[in-house]
N, C-alpha and C. Protein backbone atom coordinates (compact mmCIF):
# COMPACT_ATOMS: atom_id res chain seq x y z
N MET A 1 0.72 -1.02 -0.08
CA MET A 1 -0.27 0.29 -0.08
C MET A 1 0.98 0.92 0.27
N PRO A 2 1.02 2.11 -0.85
CA PRO A 2 1.88 3.20 -1.11
C PRO A 2 1.42 4.12 -0.07
N ARG A 3 1.76 4.97 0.41
CA ARG A 3 1.62 6.01 1.57
C ARG A 3 3.29 6.57 1.72
N ALA A 4 3.22 7.91 1.77
CA ALA A 4 4.79 8.35 2.06
C ALA A 4 4.75 9.91 3.49
N VAL A 5 5.76 10.45 3.31
CA VAL A 5 5.84 11.37 4.67
C VAL A 5 6.50 12.80 3.29
N PHE A 6 5.96 13.61 3.72
CA PHE A 6 7.09 15.00 3.27
C PHE A 6 7.20 15.99 3.79
N VAL A 7 8.19 16.58 3.77
CA VAL A 7 8.62 17.72 5.05
C VAL A 7 9.53 19.07 3.76
N LYS A 8 8.66 20.35 3.49
CA LYS A 8 9.36 21.32 2.55
C LYS A 8 10.65 22.23 3.42
N TRP A 9 11.35 20.58 3.30
CA TRP A 9 12.87 21.38 3.70
C TRP A 9 13.59 21.76 2.52
N PRO A 10 15.14 22.06 2.58
CA PRO A 10 16.08 22.15 1.74
C PRO A 10 16.52 20.74 0.85
N LEU A 11 16.69 20.52 -0.66
CA LEU A 11 16.75 19.28 -0.76
C LEU A 11 17.62 19.05 -0.51
N GLY A 12 18.40 17.32 -0.40
CA GLY A 12 19.14 17.02 0.08
C GLY A 12 19.63 16.76 1.51
N HIS A 13 18.09 17.38 2.57
CA HIS A 13 18.13 17.11 3.89
C HIS A 13 16.65 16.41 3.85
N PRO A 14 16.50 14.83 3.37
CA PRO A 14 15.13 14.60 3.97
C PRO A 14 14.83 14.38 5.03
N LEU A 15 15.66 14.22 5.88
CA LEU A 15 15.61 13.77 7.53
C LEU A 15 15.91 14.60 8.52
N GLY A 16 16.58 15.86 7.98
CA GLY A 16 16.46 17.24 9.32
C GLY A 16 17.90 17.94 8.63
N GLU A 17 18.44 18.37 9.50
CA GLU A 17 19.49 19.22 9.61
C GLU A 17 20.56 18.12 9.95
N PRO A 18 21.77 18.28 9.60
CA PRO A 18 23.02 17.90 10.44
C PRO A 18 23.12 17.51 11.77
N GLN A 19 23.23 17.14 12.45
CA GLN A 19 23.93 16.88 14.30
C GLN A 19 22.64 17.06 14.84
N ALA A 20 21.47 16.82 13.97
CA ALA A 20 20.88 16.86 14.80
C ALA A 20 19.47 15.64 15.35
N PRO A 21 20.18 15.00 16.15
CA PRO A 21 19.22 13.51 16.33
C PRO A 21 18.12 13.64 16.36
N LEU A 22 17.29 14.47 17.81
CA LEU A 22 16.00 13.99 17.35
C LEU A 22 15.23 14.67 16.87
N GLN A 23 15.26 15.92 15.31
CA GLN A 23 15.11 15.97 14.54
C GLN A 23 14.97 14.53 13.38
N GLN A 24 16.08 14.22 13.38
CA GLN A 24 16.46 13.66 12.66
C GLN A 24 15.17 12.30 13.22
N ARG A 25 14.80 11.58 13.99
CA ARG A 25 13.98 10.12 14.68
C ARG A 25 13.07 10.89 14.58
N THR A 26 12.36 12.30 14.57
CA THR A 26 10.88 12.41 15.04
C THR A 26 10.45 12.49 13.83
N VAL A 27 11.43 12.68 12.39
CA VAL A 27 10.58 12.44 10.96
C VAL A 27 11.18 10.90 10.87
N ILE A 28 11.58 9.92 10.99
CA ILE A 28 11.66 8.86 10.92
C ILE A 28 10.93 7.79 11.75
N PHE A 29 10.34 8.28 12.78
CA PHE A 29 9.34 8.04 13.69
C PHE A 29 7.70 8.38 12.71
N ARG A 30 7.92 9.50 12.72
CA ARG A 30 6.67 9.80 11.78
C ARG A 30 6.12 9.49 10.83
N ALA A 31 7.01 8.86 9.97
CA ALA A 31 7.09 8.16 9.04
C ALA A 31 7.21 7.05 8.99
N LEU A 32 7.47 5.99 10.04
CA LEU A 32 6.97 4.97 10.51
C LEU A 32 5.60 4.60 10.99
N LEU A 33 5.03 5.69 11.60
CA LEU A 33 3.87 6.00 12.18
C LEU A 33 2.90 5.39 11.14
N ARG A 34 2.87 6.70 10.07
CA ARG A 34 1.85 6.74 9.11
C ARG A 34 2.68 5.48 8.25
N LEU A 35 3.44 4.36 8.00
CA LEU A 35 3.39 2.99 8.06
C LEU A 35 2.28 2.32 8.32
N VAL A 36 2.06 2.15 9.83
CA VAL A 36 1.43 1.59 10.42
C VAL A 36 0.52 1.72 10.60
N GLN A 37 -0.47 3.37 10.50
CA GLN A 37 -1.17 3.36 10.68
C GLN A 37 -2.58 3.74 9.21
N ALA A 38 -1.50 4.07 8.03
CA ALA A 38 -2.41 4.20 6.51
C ALA A 38 -3.46 2.85 6.92
N GLU A 39 -4.52 3.67 5.92
CA GLU A 39 -5.82 2.98 6.16
C GLU A 39 -6.09 2.85 4.73
N GLU A 40 -5.50 3.35 3.69
CA GLU A 40 -5.23 3.74 2.11
C GLU A 40 -4.56 3.96 1.36
N ALA A 41 -4.18 3.30 0.70
CA ALA A 41 -3.48 3.60 -0.62
C ALA A 41 -3.58 4.88 -0.74
N GLY A 42 -1.92 5.86 -1.31
CA GLY A 42 -1.87 7.13 -1.99
C GLY A 42 -1.78 7.71 -0.63
N ILE A 43 -1.82 7.32 0.70
CA ILE A 43 -2.07 8.97 1.74
C ILE A 43 -0.57 9.41 1.05
N ILE A 44 -0.44 10.79 1.44
CA ILE A 44 0.65 11.59 1.48
C ILE A 44 0.76 12.86 2.20
N GLU A 45 1.48 12.45 3.93
CA GLU A 45 1.24 13.43 4.83
C GLU A 45 2.27 14.48 4.82
N GLU A 46 1.92 15.61 5.01
CA GLU A 46 2.86 16.49 5.29
C GLU A 46 2.57 16.60 6.43
N LEU A 47 4.71 16.45 7.08
CA LEU A 47 4.00 17.23 8.42
C LEU A 47 4.36 18.27 9.07
N GLY A 48 4.40 19.19 8.42
CA GLY A 48 4.16 20.50 8.52
C GLY A 48 5.23 20.93 9.37
N TYR A 49 6.76 20.59 9.97
CA TYR A 49 8.08 20.86 10.35
C TYR A 49 8.62 22.18 9.67
N ARG A 50 9.23 23.01 10.05
CA ARG A 50 9.56 24.27 9.43
C ARG A 50 11.13 24.18 10.13
N TRP A 51 12.38 24.36 8.88
CA TRP A 51 13.32 24.16 8.88
C TRP A 51 14.27 24.97 10.16
N ARG A 52 14.23 24.35 10.79
CA ARG A 52 15.17 25.34 12.02
C ARG A 52 14.48 26.40 12.76
N ARG A 53 13.19 26.01 12.46
CA ARG A 53 11.87 26.20 13.87
C ARG A 53 11.63 26.06 14.77
N GLU A 54 11.68 24.46 15.13
CA GLU A 54 10.79 23.53 15.77
C GLU A 54 11.78 23.07 17.18
N LEU A 55 10.95 22.94 17.85
CA LEU A 55 11.87 22.16 19.17
C LEU A 55 11.16 20.79 19.10
N TYR A 56 12.22 19.72 19.06
CA TYR A 56 11.97 18.20 18.98
C TYR A 56 12.19 17.45 20.54
N SER A 57 11.02 16.98 20.54
CA SER A 57 11.92 15.84 22.14
C SER A 57 11.79 14.04 21.36
N GLU A 58 12.67 13.40 22.26
CA GLU A 58 12.08 12.11 21.49
C GLU A 58 10.88 11.54 21.67
N PRO A 59 10.92 10.99 20.22
CA PRO A 59 9.62 10.21 19.97
C PRO A 59 8.66 9.42 21.21
N GLU A 60 8.04 9.22 20.98
CA GLU A 60 7.14 7.77 21.73
C GLU A 60 7.06 6.20 20.88
N TRP A 61 8.12 6.08 20.84
CA TRP A 61 8.48 4.79 20.52
C TRP A 61 7.20 3.64 20.15
N PRO A 62 6.70 3.25 21.31
CA PRO A 62 6.06 2.47 21.79
C PRO A 62 4.66 2.53 21.50
N LEU A 63 4.44 3.22 20.71
CA LEU A 63 3.29 3.81 19.77
C LEU A 63 3.36 2.98 17.80
N LEU A 64 4.30 2.82 17.99
CA LEU A 64 4.46 1.60 16.74
C LEU A 64 4.29 0.68 16.62
N ASN A 65 4.04 -0.22 18.16
CA ASN A 65 3.67 -1.52 18.56
C ASN A 65 2.29 -2.09 17.72
N ARG A 66 1.68 -2.81 17.22
CA ARG A 66 1.11 -3.24 16.64
C ARG A 66 -0.43 -3.88 17.73
N GLU A 67 -0.19 -4.12 18.47
CA GLU A 67 -0.55 -5.56 19.61
C GLU A 67 -2.07 -4.58 19.77
């Protein structure tokens, strides 16, 4: 089932800024969350994060469990 997330960030930075692990983990987490929660094909979710204007915290990884 095709699905994707999108961020309006500079070309070549799909996961975020260099040396910003919380930002990068957040984007990965949101992509994985979309993967497990998508109910129909063709979903493209714009994450809405702004380049260098957000504060990030560690994602809630247990939300990815599908039990």
